[in-house]
Amino acid sequence: MTDPARPLLGYLRALPDLPDHALDHLCDELRRFAERENFVLLDVYVERQWLQDAAWDVLVERCARDQVRHVVVPTYEHLHVMPALSVVMQRAVEAAIDGYVWFVHPDATVPPRPLPGLRGVGT
């Protein structure tokens, strides 16, 4: 049984080369990640306008309101297409939600960071 104390929100950016049918597949990946890692996936927020952050802003507000401390994205590109800027955005978001951003598919070009106080998790 899943621990309801581990809520998770998902985030997808409809990247310019992402076909419409791929969004369903990505949502399924987020659901499988949540099940595998013992989270409860509450919602998935989708940024449909390239270079916009409206869905992201709503997600961060939801994290603050409902005390959700975990967010999952498929890859670093859903935070920013450049790996270095993705890391910067990841750290800014983690500070804003006082939590952690998970990646379903971590990329070797983005160095993994261990969770503070939780050895071996998230690496």
Protein backbone atom coordinates (compact mmCIF):
# COMPACT_ATOMS: atom_id res chain seq x y z
CA MET A 1 0.00 0.00 0.00
CA THR A 2 1.25 3.51 -0.83
CA ASP A 3 2.06 5.89 2.00
CA PRO A 4 -0.23 8.95 1.62
CA ALA A 5 2.42 11.01 3.39
CA ARG A 6 4.49 10.94 0.16
CA PRO A 7 2.52 13.13 -2.23
CA LEU A 8 4.06 13.93 -5.60
CA LEU A 9 3.21 16.37 -8.39
CA GLY A 10 4.26 15.86 -11.99
CA TYR A 11 5.35 18.45 -14.52
CA LEU A 12 5.68 18.22 -18.31
CA ARG A 13 6.75 20.84 -20.79
CA ALA A 14 5.29 20.26 -24.25
CA LEU A 15 8.63 20.60 -26.01
CA PRO A 16 8.48 21.91 -29.60
CA ASP A 17 9.33 18.53 -31.14
CA LEU A 18 7.02 16.55 -28.85
CA PRO A 19 4.10 14.95 -30.72
CA ASP A 20 0.69 15.36 -29.08
CA HIS A 21 0.26 11.62 -28.45
CA ALA A 22 3.57 11.58 -26.53
CA LEU A 23 2.05 13.56 -23.63
CA ASP A 24 -0.09 10.55 -22.65
CA HIS A 25 2.98 8.33 -22.73
CA LEU A 26 4.92 10.78 -20.53
CA CYS A 27 2.06 10.96 -18.03
CA ASP A 28 2.11 7.16 -17.87
CA GLU A 29 5.85 7.27 -17.16
CA LEU A 30 5.25 9.70 -14.29
CA ARG A 31 2.57 7.37 -12.88
CA ARG A 32 4.88 4.35 -13.08
CA PHE A 33 7.67 6.32 -11.39
CA ALA A 34 5.32 7.27 -8.56
CA GLU A 35 4.25 3.66 -8.04
CA ARG A 36 7.81 2.35 -8.19
CA GLU A 37 9.11 4.94 -5.71
CA ASN A 38 6.13 4.70 -3.33
CA PHE A 39 4.66 8.14 -4.03
CA VAL A 40 1.06 9.20 -4.54
CA LEU A 41 0.89 11.16 -7.81
CA LEU A 42 -1.70 13.85 -7.12
CA ASP A 43 -1.68 15.71 -10.45
CA VAL A 44 0.40 16.33 -13.56
CA TYR A 45 0.80 19.92 -14.72
CA VAL A 46 1.46 20.42 -18.43
CA GLU A 47 3.11 23.54 -19.83
CA ARG A 48 1.59 23.79 -23.29
CA GLN A 49 3.07 27.10 -24.41
CA TRP A 50 6.76 27.05 -25.19
CA LEU A 51 8.75 29.59 -23.13
CA GLN A 52 5.88 30.04 -20.66
CA ASP A 53 5.79 29.10 -16.98
CA ALA A 54 2.08 29.38 -16.10
CA ALA A 55 1.65 25.69 -15.24
CA TRP A 56 4.94 25.71 -13.32
CA ASP A 57 3.80 28.69 -11.26
CA VAL A 58 0.53 26.92 -10.38
CA LEU A 59 2.48 23.78 -9.45
CA VAL A 60 4.79 25.71 -7.09
CA GLU A 61 1.76 27.42 -5.49
CA ARG A 62 0.13 24.01 -5.02
CA CYS A 63 3.30 22.68 -3.40
CA ALA A 64 3.24 25.55 -0.90
CA ARG A 65 -0.49 25.31 -0.22
CA ASP A 66 -0.64 21.53 0.20
CA GLN A 67 2.88 21.04 1.57
CA VAL A 68 3.96 18.83 -1.32
CA ARG A 69 7.74 18.44 -1.24
CA HIS A 70 8.32 16.26 -4.30
CA VAL A 71 7.98 17.00 -8.01
CA VAL A 72 8.77 14.65 -10.88
CA VAL A 73 9.66 15.47 -14.48
CA PRO A 74 10.53 13.04 -17.30
CA THR A 75 13.97 14.52 -18.13
CA TYR A 76 16.04 17.61 -17.39
CA GLU A 77 14.76 19.13 -20.64
CA HIS A 78 11.36 19.66 -19.06
CA LEU A 79 13.01 22.17 -16.72
CA HIS A 80 15.31 23.71 -19.34
CA VAL A 81 16.76 22.44 -22.62
CA MET A 82 20.32 23.25 -21.51
CA PRO A 83 21.65 20.86 -18.83
CA ALA A 84 23.45 23.55 -16.82
CA LEU A 85 20.39 25.80 -16.72
CA SER A 86 18.23 22.83 -15.87
CA VAL A 87 20.36 22.28 -12.75
CA VAL A 88 19.97 25.95 -11.83
CA MET A 89 16.19 25.72 -12.25
CA GLN A 90 16.09 22.44 -10.31
CA ARG A 91 17.90 24.02 -7.36
CA ALA A 92 15.70 27.13 -7.44
CA VAL A 93 12.55 25.03 -7.47
CA GLU A 94 13.80 22.75 -4.70
CA ALA A 95 14.46 25.84 -2.57
CA ALA A 96 11.01 27.26 -3.38
CA ILE A 97 9.16 24.05 -2.45
CA ASP A 98 11.60 23.04 0.29
CA GLY A 99 11.76 19.66 -1.39
CA TYR A 100 13.18 17.66 -4.26
CA VAL A 101 12.78 17.42 -8.04
CA TRP A 102 12.96 13.85 -9.34
CA PHE A 103 13.79 12.78 -12.90
CA VAL A 104 12.21 9.67 -14.43
CA HIS A 105 15.14 9.49 -16.87
CA PRO A 106 18.24 11.09 -15.33
CA ASP A 107 20.73 12.28 -17.92
CA ALA A 108 24.43 11.46 -17.61
CA THR A 109 25.36 15.05 -18.53
CA VAL A 110 23.53 16.38 -15.46
CA PRO A 111 25.34 15.32 -12.29
CA PRO A 112 23.01 13.64 -9.76
CA ARG A 113 22.73 15.22 -6.33
CA PRO A 114 22.04 13.19 -3.21
CA LEU A 115 19.14 14.19 -1.02
CA PRO A 116 20.30 15.98 2.12
CA GLY A 117 20.03 13.65 5.10
CA LEU A 118 18.96 10.65 2.99
CA ARG A 119 22.04 8.71 1.91
CA GLY A 120 21.70 6.73 -1.26
CA VAL A 121 18.29 8.15 -2.25
CA GLY A 122 17.99 10.15 -5.46
CA THR A 123 21.44 9.18 -6.73
